[in-house]
Amino acid sequence: MRKYFWLIPVAMLAFGGMAQAQDKAKPEKKAKAAAKVVADPEKIDLGDLKAGEEKDVVFKLKNDGDAEAKNVACKAAGVKFEKAKVTIAAGASEEMKGKYTAPKKAGKKDKITQIKLTCGKVIIPITLMLKAAEAPAK
């Protein structure tokens, strides 16, 4: 067995055994087209609101990807949107409109409130100041 051990590497070199396996070109994988949705603006500030007050929420969703973004739905506590779902073509944008309704009861002190608005994988923080309830007149 030892006599023929050296023949294996020599045979591989002579016939190109291992070199051929490495020289074969691998086919390139094509990048899969994907949608990339971004929001403008990245944050929304509704300012000061009294209990039960309504305020418009308006922002744009833009598709920076190279594929269509289908059935993008936006959700947030207290916000009702005009469109339930939108489809955004590659390179296009869609304006989203909704109404935020502040809670019906306010505390004794002003309170900064933050709400998480999600549209697909995009998260947009909404900030507002819920004004304290006014003390009843005596």
Protein backbone atom coordinates (compact mmCIF):
# COMPACT_ATOMS: atom_id res chain seq x y z
CA MET A 1 0.00 0.00 0.00
CA ARG A 2 2.84 2.39 0.72
CA LYS A 3 4.34 1.82 -2.69
CA TYR A 4 1.37 3.31 -4.48
CA PHE A 5 0.62 6.20 -2.09
CA TRP A 6 2.75 8.64 -4.05
CA LEU A 7 0.96 7.77 -7.29
CA ILE A 8 -2.29 9.41 -6.20
CA PRO A 9 -0.95 13.03 -6.06
CA VAL A 10 1.04 12.52 -9.25
CA ALA A 11 -2.02 11.14 -11.05
CA MET A 12 -4.11 14.10 -9.88
CA LEU A 13 -1.59 16.56 -11.29
CA ALA A 14 -1.21 14.69 -14.54
CA PHE A 15 -4.93 14.48 -15.20
CA GLY A 16 -5.91 17.79 -13.56
CA GLY A 17 -8.07 16.09 -10.88
CA MET A 18 -8.56 18.84 -8.28
CA ALA A 19 -7.72 21.79 -10.50
CA GLN A 20 -10.76 21.18 -12.71
CA ALA A 21 -13.25 21.33 -9.85
CA GLN A 22 -11.98 24.74 -8.75
CA ASP A 23 -11.73 26.23 -12.26
CA LYS A 24 -15.40 25.79 -13.10
CA ALA A 25 -17.18 29.13 -12.99
CA LYS A 26 -20.16 29.25 -10.69
CA PRO A 27 -23.25 30.86 -12.14
CA GLU A 28 -23.89 34.30 -10.63
CA LYS A 29 -26.99 34.66 -8.51
CA LYS A 30 -29.19 37.53 -9.53
CA ALA A 31 -30.28 39.86 -6.76
CA LYS A 32 -33.97 39.38 -6.05
CA ALA A 33 -36.04 42.50 -6.67
CA ALA A 34 -37.37 43.91 -3.41
CA ALA A 35 -39.49 46.81 -2.23
CA LYS A 36 -37.98 49.29 0.25
CA VAL A 37 -40.60 51.53 1.81
CA VAL A 38 -39.48 54.69 3.66
CA ALA A 39 -41.54 57.40 5.36
CA ASP A 40 -41.34 61.17 4.97
CA PRO A 41 -41.22 62.65 7.57
CA GLU A 42 -39.54 60.08 9.81
CA LYS A 43 -41.29 61.54 12.93
CA ILE A 44 -44.63 63.25 13.43
CA ASP A 45 -45.36 65.83 16.15
CA LEU A 46 -49.05 66.63 16.66
CA GLY A 47 -48.39 69.36 19.23
CA ASP A 48 -50.80 70.10 22.11
CA LEU A 49 -54.19 68.39 22.15
CA LYS A 50 -57.11 68.50 24.57
CA ALA A 51 -59.07 65.39 25.52
CA GLY A 52 -61.18 64.12 22.60
CA GLU A 53 -59.67 66.61 20.12
CA GLU A 54 -58.94 65.44 16.55
CA LYS A 55 -55.86 66.22 14.46
CA ASP A 56 -54.88 65.30 10.88
CA VAL A 57 -51.98 62.89 10.37
CA VAL A 58 -50.38 63.27 6.92
CA PHE A 59 -47.18 61.68 5.63
CA LYS A 60 -45.73 60.12 2.48
CA LEU A 61 -44.61 56.55 1.94
CA LYS A 62 -41.98 56.18 -0.79
CA ASN A 63 -40.82 52.94 -2.38
CA ASP A 64 -37.04 53.22 -2.93
CA GLY A 65 -36.80 49.56 -3.97
CA ASP A 66 -36.94 47.98 -7.40
CA ALA A 67 -40.16 45.99 -6.89
CA GLU A 68 -43.75 46.91 -6.16
CA ALA A 69 -44.78 47.17 -2.48
CA LYS A 70 -48.17 45.45 -2.31
CA ASN A 71 -50.91 45.84 0.30
CA VAL A 72 -49.03 48.15 2.67
CA ALA A 73 -51.32 48.77 5.66
CA CYS A 74 -50.80 51.48 8.28
CA LYS A 75 -51.91 51.09 11.89
CA ALA A 76 -51.69 53.20 15.03
CA ALA A 77 -53.72 53.51 18.22
CA GLY A 78 -56.33 56.26 17.85
CA VAL A 79 -55.65 56.89 14.13
CA LYS A 80 -58.16 56.14 11.36
CA PHE A 81 -56.74 56.21 7.83
CA GLU A 82 -58.64 57.08 4.65
CA LYS A 83 -57.10 54.09 2.82
CA ALA A 84 -56.84 50.70 4.53
CA LYS A 85 -54.09 49.38 2.23
CA VAL A 86 -52.00 50.85 -0.59
CA THR A 87 -49.79 49.44 -3.33
CA ILE A 88 -46.72 51.53 -4.18
CA ALA A 89 -44.88 51.03 -7.47
CA ALA A 90 -41.06 51.02 -7.51
CA GLY A 91 -39.79 54.61 -7.36
CA ALA A 92 -43.26 56.01 -6.59
CA SER A 93 -44.75 57.52 -3.44
CA GLU A 94 -48.19 57.55 -1.84
CA GLU A 95 -49.61 60.20 0.49
CA MET A 96 -51.28 58.74 3.57
CA LYS A 97 -53.97 60.71 5.37
CA GLY A 98 -55.68 59.92 8.64
CA LYS A 99 -57.22 61.46 11.75
CA TYR A 100 -55.93 61.02 15.27
CA THR A 101 -58.44 61.31 18.10
CA ALA A 102 -56.98 62.06 21.53
CA PRO A 103 -58.24 60.02 24.51
CA LYS A 104 -61.59 61.25 25.87
CA LYS A 105 -60.23 61.74 29.38
CA ALA A 106 -57.13 63.65 30.38
CA GLY A 107 -55.24 63.47 33.64
CA LYS A 108 -54.59 66.24 36.15
CA LYS A 109 -51.22 67.06 34.56
CA ASP A 110 -50.07 67.56 30.99
CA LYS A 111 -48.74 64.30 29.60
CA ILE A 112 -46.37 63.67 26.70
CA THR A 113 -47.77 60.76 24.71
CA GLN A 114 -45.94 58.67 22.13
CA ILE A 115 -47.68 56.43 19.65
CA LYS A 116 -46.08 53.89 17.31
CA LEU A 117 -47.38 54.12 13.75
CA THR A 118 -46.47 51.11 11.60
CA CYS A 119 -46.77 50.79 7.83
CA GLY A 120 -45.51 47.37 6.83
CA LYS A 121 -41.97 47.30 8.22
CA VAL A 122 -41.72 51.10 8.58
CA ILE A 123 -42.18 52.55 12.08
CA ILE A 124 -43.00 56.24 12.50
CA PRO A 125 -43.10 57.66 16.05
CA ILE A 126 -45.93 60.13 16.74
CA THR A 127 -45.53 62.51 19.68
CA LEU A 128 -48.14 64.79 21.23
CA MET A 129 -48.82 66.66 24.47
CA LEU A 130 -52.15 65.70 26.03
CA LYS A 131 -53.22 68.77 27.96
CA ALA A 132 -54.49 68.37 31.50
CA ALA A 133 -58.21 68.43 32.19
CA GLU A 134 -59.43 71.80 33.32
CA ALA A 135 -60.71 72.01 36.87
CA PRO A 136 -64.45 72.67 37.04
CA ALA A 137 -65.39 76.27 37.81
CA LYS A 138 -66.64 76.96 41.37
